[in-house]
Amino acid sequence: MRSLSSTQKNNILTMLDSGHTAHAIASTTGLNVSTISRLRAKERSDLQKSTGGHPSKLSPTNVHHAIHLISTRRAENAVQVTKALINIINQPLHPNTVCQHLKKTGMKAVVKQKRPILSARHRKAQLDLAYAHKDWTLEDWKKVVWSDETKINRLGSDGHKWVWKKAGRGSVIGW
């Protein structure tokens, strides 16, 4: 470390105490950033360093609103949440930003499992069919032609639907 006069040292320490960064102090004093950082480590080790990075576009209130949108089924995925939040904050916003904030809150994105939609009416119809044919013999069943309608994609897939859930929970939020 270059030898500093007591005036320079006091000036730098005063600026550090007032919350200036090492880069800002270096630009005003003409000293190296490393010199200022070493002086801070030596004289003011209790001062907290800046975490750096760009300030967050989403406030904690916006993140809470995003969680509320998901849990009340007004939005299923990050893209829908992003569209809702853009109207609130009036800034451009990317779905990845929303994903990062949701992950920080302990939520997890999972692929929504496909399940057959069987209503009470469907279940009743199946039960009625079983009761109606419970006395059939093997010869009766051999006369039945069984067919199955299956959708097959030659190229590509229909894609996945993503939903959010709290990490550690078995069930998906809202489903």
Protein backbone atom coordinates (compact mmCIF):
# COMPACT_ATOMS: atom_id res chain seq x y z
CA MET A 1 0.00 0.00 0.00
CA ARG A 2 1.28 3.40 -0.94
CA SER A 3 2.06 5.62 2.01
CA LEU A 4 -0.77 8.03 2.64
CA SER A 5 -0.68 11.24 4.53
CA SER A 6 -2.83 11.49 7.62
CA THR A 7 -5.03 14.04 5.83
CA GLN A 8 -5.63 11.66 2.92
CA LYS A 9 -6.27 8.79 5.30
CA ASN A 10 -8.79 10.80 7.35
CA ASN A 11 -10.48 12.03 4.16
CA ILE A 12 -10.84 8.48 2.83
CA LEU A 13 -12.12 7.15 6.17
CA THR A 14 -14.66 9.96 6.38
CA MET A 15 -15.92 9.15 2.88
CA LEU A 16 -16.09 5.44 3.76
CA ASP A 17 -18.08 6.24 6.90
CA SER A 18 -20.53 8.33 4.87
CA GLY A 19 -21.27 5.35 2.60
CA HIS A 20 -19.20 6.05 -0.51
CA THR A 21 -17.88 3.08 -2.46
CA ALA A 22 -14.20 2.39 -3.04
CA HIS A 23 -14.62 3.20 -6.74
CA ALA A 24 -16.27 6.54 -6.01
CA ILE A 25 -13.53 7.47 -3.55
CA ALA A 26 -10.85 6.37 -6.02
CA SER A 27 -12.26 8.60 -8.74
CA THR A 28 -12.35 11.67 -6.46
CA THR A 29 -8.96 11.16 -4.77
CA GLY A 30 -7.00 9.74 -7.69
CA LEU A 31 -5.83 6.73 -5.67
CA ASN A 32 -6.16 3.07 -6.66
CA VAL A 33 -9.25 1.16 -5.64
CA SER A 34 -7.05 -1.52 -4.06
CA THR A 35 -5.37 1.08 -1.83
CA ILE A 36 -8.74 2.28 -0.58
CA SER A 37 -10.00 -1.29 -0.13
CA ARG A 38 -6.95 -2.25 1.93
CA LEU A 39 -7.36 0.85 4.11
CA ARG A 40 -11.03 -0.03 4.65
CA ALA A 41 -10.12 -3.61 5.59
CA LYS A 42 -7.45 -2.39 7.99
CA GLU A 43 -9.22 0.57 9.62
CA ARG A 44 -12.95 -0.07 9.10
CA SER A 45 -13.31 -3.84 8.94
CA ASP A 46 -16.81 -3.61 10.45
CA LEU A 47 -18.17 -1.68 7.44
CA GLN A 48 -20.31 -3.85 5.21
CA LYS A 49 -19.23 -4.22 1.59
CA SER A 50 -21.62 -3.50 -1.22
CA THR A 51 -23.21 -6.63 -2.64
CA GLY A 52 -23.00 -5.13 -6.11
CA GLY A 53 -25.27 -5.79 -9.02
CA HIS A 54 -28.24 -3.99 -10.47
CA PRO A 55 -31.05 -2.98 -8.13
CA SER A 56 -34.01 -5.33 -8.29
CA LYS A 57 -36.86 -4.44 -10.62
CA LEU A 58 -39.38 -6.13 -8.34
CA SER A 59 -40.11 -4.91 -4.86
CA PRO A 60 -41.07 -7.36 -2.10
CA THR A 61 -44.66 -6.21 -2.57
CA ASN A 62 -44.52 -7.16 -6.27
CA VAL A 63 -43.10 -10.59 -5.40
CA HIS A 64 -45.87 -11.12 -2.83
CA HIS A 65 -48.42 -10.14 -5.48
CA ALA A 66 -46.89 -12.68 -7.89
CA ILE A 67 -47.25 -15.43 -5.30
CA HIS A 68 -50.84 -14.33 -4.71
CA LEU A 69 -51.59 -14.51 -8.44
CA ILE A 70 -50.29 -18.08 -8.59
CA SER A 71 -52.00 -19.30 -5.43
CA THR A 72 -55.38 -17.86 -6.46
CA ARG A 73 -55.10 -19.40 -9.96
CA ARG A 74 -55.15 -16.05 -11.73
CA ALA A 75 -51.83 -17.05 -13.30
CA GLU A 76 -50.32 -20.47 -13.90
CA ASN A 77 -46.80 -19.69 -15.02
CA ALA A 78 -44.11 -17.01 -14.97
CA VAL A 79 -45.13 -15.58 -18.35
CA GLN A 80 -48.66 -14.86 -17.14
CA VAL A 81 -47.32 -13.39 -13.87
CA THR A 82 -44.93 -11.21 -15.88
CA LYS A 83 -47.76 -9.82 -18.00
CA ALA A 84 -49.70 -8.93 -14.87
CA LEU A 85 -46.69 -7.30 -13.19
CA ILE A 86 -45.75 -5.23 -16.26
CA ASN A 87 -49.11 -3.47 -15.95
CA ILE A 88 -48.32 -2.67 -12.31
CA ILE A 89 -44.69 -1.53 -12.46
CA ASN A 90 -44.80 0.06 -15.95
CA GLN A 91 -41.31 -1.24 -16.79
CA PRO A 92 -40.09 -3.91 -19.16
CA LEU A 93 -39.77 -7.20 -17.32
CA HIS A 94 -38.57 -10.64 -18.39
CA PRO A 95 -40.14 -13.90 -17.17
CA ASN A 96 -36.69 -15.07 -16.02
CA THR A 97 -36.66 -12.20 -13.51
CA VAL A 98 -39.99 -13.37 -12.12
CA CYS A 99 -38.70 -16.96 -11.99
CA GLN A 100 -35.63 -15.90 -10.00
CA HIS A 101 -37.72 -14.01 -7.46
CA LEU A 102 -40.20 -16.88 -7.09
CA LYS A 103 -37.31 -19.30 -6.53
CA LYS A 104 -35.90 -17.02 -3.82
CA THR A 105 -39.21 -17.25 -1.95
CA GLY A 106 -38.98 -21.04 -1.88
CA MET A 107 -41.26 -21.82 -4.79
CA LYS A 108 -40.40 -24.39 -7.41
CA ALA A 109 -41.44 -24.76 -11.05
CA VAL A 110 -42.62 -28.26 -11.93
CA VAL A 111 -44.19 -29.84 -14.99
CA LYS A 112 -47.92 -30.20 -14.51
CA GLN A 113 -48.85 -33.87 -14.57
CA LYS A 114 -51.48 -34.92 -17.04
CA ARG A 115 -54.41 -36.69 -15.45
CA PRO A 116 -57.56 -38.00 -17.05
CA ILE A 117 -60.51 -35.76 -16.40
CA LEU A 118 -63.09 -38.08 -14.88
CA SER A 119 -66.14 -36.34 -13.59
CA ALA A 120 -68.72 -37.88 -11.29
CA ARG A 121 -70.88 -38.52 -14.36
CA HIS A 122 -68.05 -40.47 -16.03
CA ARG A 123 -67.44 -42.57 -12.94
CA LYS A 124 -71.16 -43.34 -12.61
CA ALA A 125 -71.35 -44.39 -16.29
CA GLN A 126 -68.37 -46.74 -15.83
CA LEU A 127 -69.93 -48.28 -12.73
CA ASP A 128 -73.27 -48.72 -14.50
CA LEU A 129 -71.49 -50.45 -17.41
CA ALA A 130 -69.71 -52.79 -14.98
CA TYR A 131 -72.98 -53.69 -13.19
CA ALA A 132 -74.80 -54.21 -16.50
CA HIS A 133 -72.17 -56.67 -17.76
CA LYS A 134 -71.13 -58.41 -14.55
CA ASP A 135 -72.82 -61.67 -15.56
CA TRP A 136 -71.28 -61.91 -19.03
CA THR A 137 -69.36 -65.05 -19.93
CA LEU A 138 -66.02 -65.27 -21.68
CA GLU A 139 -67.80 -66.03 -24.98
CA ASP A 140 -69.84 -62.80 -24.64
CA TRP A 141 -66.69 -60.74 -24.13
CA LYS A 142 -65.01 -62.34 -27.17
CA LYS A 143 -67.70 -60.80 -29.40
CA VAL A 144 -66.77 -57.27 -28.30
CA VAL A 145 -64.41 -55.24 -30.50
CA TRP A 146 -62.02 -53.24 -28.35
CA SER A 147 -60.62 -50.01 -29.69
CA ASP A 148 -58.58 -47.26 -28.14
CA GLU A 149 -58.21 -43.72 -29.37
CA THR A 150 -54.65 -42.58 -28.90
CA LYS A 151 -53.18 -39.31 -30.07
CA ILE A 152 -49.74 -39.78 -31.57
CA ASN A 153 -47.54 -36.88 -32.66
CA ARG A 154 -45.25 -37.69 -35.57
CA LEU A 155 -43.06 -34.62 -35.09
CA GLY A 156 -42.50 -32.82 -31.82
CA SER A 157 -44.75 -32.79 -28.82
CA ASP A 158 -47.52 -30.69 -27.40
CA GLY A 159 -45.06 -29.35 -24.85
CA HIS A 160 -45.25 -29.17 -21.11
CA LYS A 161 -47.40 -27.00 -18.89
CA TRP A 162 -45.42 -25.55 -16.00
CA VAL A 163 -46.89 -24.71 -12.61
CA TRP A 164 -45.39 -23.44 -9.37
CA LYS A 165 -45.44 -25.09 -5.95
CA LYS A 166 -43.86 -24.50 -2.59
CA ALA A 167 -40.65 -26.50 -2.32
CA GLY A 168 -41.14 -29.58 -0.13
CA ARG A 169 -44.88 -29.79 -0.70
CA GLY A 170 -46.32 -32.73 -2.53
CA SER A 171 -49.18 -30.86 -4.13
CA VAL A 172 -48.99 -28.10 -6.67
CA ILE A 173 -50.30 -24.70 -5.59
CA GLY A 174 -53.78 -24.17 -6.92
CA TRP A 175 -54.22 -27.70 -8.20
